[in-house]
Protein backbone atom coordinates (compact mmCIF):
# COMPACT_ATOMS: atom_id res chain seq x y z
CA MET A 1 -5.57 -10.73 -4.58
CA ASP A 2 -6.15 -14.46 -4.72
CA GLU A 3 -8.66 -14.93 -1.89
CA LYS A 4 -8.13 -18.68 -1.58
CA LYS A 5 -4.38 -18.24 -1.32
CA PHE A 6 -4.89 -15.47 1.25
CA GLU A 7 -7.24 -17.61 3.36
CA GLU A 8 -4.75 -20.48 3.19
CA SER A 9 -1.96 -18.12 4.31
CA VAL A 10 -4.05 -16.98 7.30
CA LYS A 11 -4.84 -20.58 8.20
CA ASN A 12 -1.19 -21.66 8.00
CA ALA A 13 0.34 -18.58 9.66
CA VAL A 14 2.72 -19.08 12.58
CA SER A 15 2.34 -17.19 15.83
CA ILE A 16 3.85 -13.71 15.92
CA ASN A 17 3.10 -13.02 19.60
CA GLY A 18 6.79 -12.87 20.49
CA TYR A 19 7.40 -10.27 17.78
CA LEU A 20 4.48 -7.88 18.27
CA LYS A 21 6.83 -5.39 19.94
CA ARG A 22 8.55 -4.99 16.53
CA LEU A 23 5.39 -3.55 14.96
CA LEU A 24 4.92 0.20 14.73
CA PRO A 25 2.04 1.49 16.89
CA HIS A 26 -0.38 1.91 13.96
CA GLU A 27 0.50 -1.58 12.69
CA LEU A 28 -0.16 -3.17 16.07
CA GLU A 29 -3.47 -1.32 16.34
CA LEU A 30 -4.59 -2.55 12.90
CA TYR A 31 -3.62 -6.11 13.81
CA GLU A 32 -5.26 -6.04 17.25
CA ASN A 33 -8.45 -4.53 15.80
CA GLY A 34 -8.72 -7.31 13.20
CA GLN A 35 -8.17 -4.99 10.25
CA LEU A 36 -5.01 -6.87 9.23
CA PHE A 37 -4.45 -10.63 9.49
CA ASN A 38 -1.27 -12.53 10.26
CA ILE A 39 0.00 -14.39 7.18
CA THR A 40 3.56 -14.97 8.48
CA HIS A 41 4.88 -18.28 7.18
CA ASP A 42 7.13 -20.69 9.05
CA GLY A 43 10.78 -19.68 8.78
CA SER A 44 10.03 -16.11 7.75
CA SER A 45 12.46 -13.41 8.87
CA SER A 46 9.60 -10.89 8.77
CA ILE A 47 6.13 -10.42 10.21
CA TRP A 48 3.56 -10.31 7.40
CA LEU A 49 0.12 -8.75 7.93
CA GLU A 50 -2.50 -8.40 5.20
CA THR A 51 -6.17 -7.89 4.44
CA TYR A 52 -8.50 -8.16 1.46
CA SER A 53 -8.82 -5.44 -1.15
CA SER A 54 -11.91 -3.33 -0.62
CA ILE A 55 -14.70 -3.29 -3.17
CA PRO A 56 -14.98 0.30 -4.42
CA LEU A 57 -18.28 1.99 -5.17
CA GLU A 58 -19.39 2.08 -8.81
CA ASP A 59 -17.77 5.47 -9.53
CA LYS A 60 -14.45 4.70 -7.80
CA ILE A 61 -11.40 2.52 -8.31
CA ASN A 62 -8.66 1.22 -6.03
CA VAL A 63 -5.04 2.14 -6.62
CA TYR A 64 -2.05 0.93 -4.62
CA ARG A 65 1.23 2.39 -3.46
CA PRO A 66 4.15 0.63 -1.75
CA MET A 67 5.62 2.89 0.93
CA GLY A 68 8.54 2.97 3.31
CA ASP A 69 8.13 3.84 6.97
CA GLN A 70 8.90 7.54 6.54
CA GLU A 71 6.19 7.97 3.91
CA ILE A 72 3.47 5.95 5.66
CA LEU A 73 4.10 7.75 8.95
CA TYR A 74 3.81 11.09 7.14
CA LEU A 75 0.53 9.99 5.54
CA ILE A 76 -0.88 8.87 8.90
CA GLU A 77 0.22 12.03 10.72
CA ASN A 78 -0.68 14.58 8.00
CA ASN A 79 -3.45 12.89 6.01
CA GLN A 80 -1.53 13.49 2.79
CA LEU A 81 1.39 12.09 0.84
CA PRO A 82 4.76 13.82 1.22
CA SER A 83 6.45 15.27 -1.86
CA THR A 84 9.59 13.24 -1.28
CA GLN A 85 9.68 11.02 -4.38
CA PRO A 86 10.03 12.43 -7.90
CA TYR A 87 7.74 9.82 -9.52
CA GLN A 88 5.35 9.01 -6.61
CA ALA A 89 3.56 6.12 -8.34
CA ILE A 90 0.06 4.87 -7.71
CA ILE A 91 -0.75 1.64 -9.51
CA GLU A 92 -4.26 0.93 -10.70
CA GLY A 93 -6.55 -1.98 -9.86
CA GLU A 94 -5.82 -5.53 -8.79
CA ASN A 95 -2.80 -5.66 -11.12
CA GLY A 96 -1.56 -2.64 -9.19
CA ARG A 97 -1.78 -4.52 -5.93
CA ILE A 98 0.09 -7.46 -7.42
CA TYR A 99 2.76 -5.07 -8.72
CA ALA A 100 3.03 -3.25 -5.35
CA ASN A 101 3.56 -6.63 -3.65
CA LYS A 102 6.73 -7.10 -5.69
CA TYR A 103 8.38 -4.33 -3.65
CA LEU A 104 7.64 -6.11 -0.37
CA ASN A 105 8.63 -9.59 -1.53
CA GLY A 106 11.93 -8.44 -3.08
CA ASN A 107 11.14 -8.84 -6.79
CA LYS A 108 11.35 -5.05 -7.26
CA TRP A 109 13.55 -2.56 -5.43
CA THR A 110 13.48 1.10 -4.49
CA ASP A 111 15.65 3.08 -2.10
CA THR A 112 12.62 3.95 0.08
CA ASN A 113 12.63 0.38 1.49
CA PRO A 114 8.89 -0.32 1.27
CA THR A 115 7.26 -2.00 4.26
CA THR A 116 3.63 -1.13 3.60
CA ILE A 117 1.08 -1.23 0.79
CA VAL A 118 -1.63 1.40 0.93
CA GLU A 119 -4.91 1.12 -0.97
CA PHE A 120 -6.39 4.43 -2.11
CA THR A 121 -9.99 4.51 -3.32
CA VAL A 122 -10.18 7.22 -5.95
CA PRO A 123 -12.96 8.66 -8.15
CA ILE A 124 -12.71 7.12 -11.63
CA ASP A 125 -13.03 10.50 -13.35
CA PHE A 126 -10.05 11.80 -11.37
CA MET A 127 -8.03 8.70 -12.30
CA GLU A 128 -8.80 9.34 -15.97
CA PHE A 129 -7.55 12.91 -15.51
CA LEU A 130 -4.34 11.62 -13.88
CA LYS A 131 -3.77 9.12 -16.69
CA GLU A 132 -3.96 11.94 -19.22
CA LYS A 133 -1.17 13.72 -17.32
CA GLN A 134 1.19 10.75 -17.00
CA MET A 135 0.90 6.99 -17.19
CA LYS A 136 3.10 4.05 -18.08
CA ILE A 137 2.74 0.29 -18.08
CA GLU A 138 5.01 -1.62 -15.71
CA ASP A 139 4.83 -5.43 -15.64
CA GLY A 140 1.26 -5.31 -16.98
CA ALA A 141 0.07 -2.72 -14.45
CA LEU A 142 -0.89 0.92 -15.07
CA SER A 143 1.47 3.14 -13.10
CA ILE A 144 0.45 6.76 -12.71
CA GLY A 145 3.09 9.19 -11.48
CA LEU A 146 1.98 12.00 -9.19
CA GLY A 147 5.39 13.52 -8.45
CA SER A 148 7.41 16.42 -9.81
CA LYS A 149 9.14 14.26 -12.47
CA ALA A 150 5.85 12.73 -13.63
CA GLY A 151 2.27 14.04 -13.74
CA LYS A 152 2.86 16.77 -11.13
CA CYS A 153 -0.60 16.14 -9.63
CA LEU A 154 0.41 15.30 -6.05
CA PRO A 155 -1.10 18.56 -4.69
CA LEU A 156 -4.46 17.71 -6.34
CA PHE A 157 -4.30 14.14 -5.03
CA ASN A 158 -3.57 15.40 -1.50
CA GLU A 159 -6.41 17.93 -1.73
CA LYS A 160 -8.81 15.11 -2.56
CA ILE A 161 -7.54 13.10 0.42
CA LEU A 162 -8.08 16.10 2.69
CA ASN A 163 -11.63 16.72 1.44
CA GLY A 164 -12.58 13.03 1.66
CA GLN A 165 -12.95 12.32 -2.07
CA ILE A 166 -10.01 9.90 -1.80
CA THR A 167 -9.84 7.46 1.09
CA TYR A 168 -7.01 5.14 2.03
CA ARG A 169 -6.16 2.20 4.21
CA ILE A 170 -3.21 -0.08 4.81
CA VAL A 171 -3.66 -3.49 3.18
CA LYS A 172 -0.26 -5.13 3.73
CA ILE A 173 2.73 -4.83 6.04
CA LYS A 174 6.13 -6.49 6.11
CA ARG A 175 8.06 -5.83 9.32
CA ASN A 176 11.47 -7.39 10.00
CA LYS A 177 11.49 -9.61 13.11
CA SER A 178 15.05 -8.65 14.10
CA LYS A 179 16.01 -5.61 16.14
CA LYS A 180 17.25 -2.63 14.16
């Protein structure tokens, strides 16, 4: 994440007060608690909320996943990822965040209609294990598949979320301003 560009986006953001009712309850809570910042630009048809990437501890790394509403709500309610996508990609490091952004800004497409980017902080040794199972390079980013058509490690990933070895947080949201 380019911090200067992010700070400029926050500084130049337009008011979203009239659109707060469009946010999902968890999104509104993150915004009101100062965990996500408004970066909505003038003329945007969507509300954009974002925060900085976290700095992982020495033995951990951040990975990112773009998610649609169904998946993020499942994660929030169950503290694990659903087994709904056959590939179930997590994308490593800052290049992973840049790649995940492409799904929100329209440069990449998937039928899950991503609205959210989640940052997972994962033990490096577990990431190395996952890479041995399945990994590919997409637009310069390391994409690791957890799903049934890829590395098949989603149950292990979820177990590590449940026992606290993997943590997560929402780092970006795109929410349409219009009624649906």
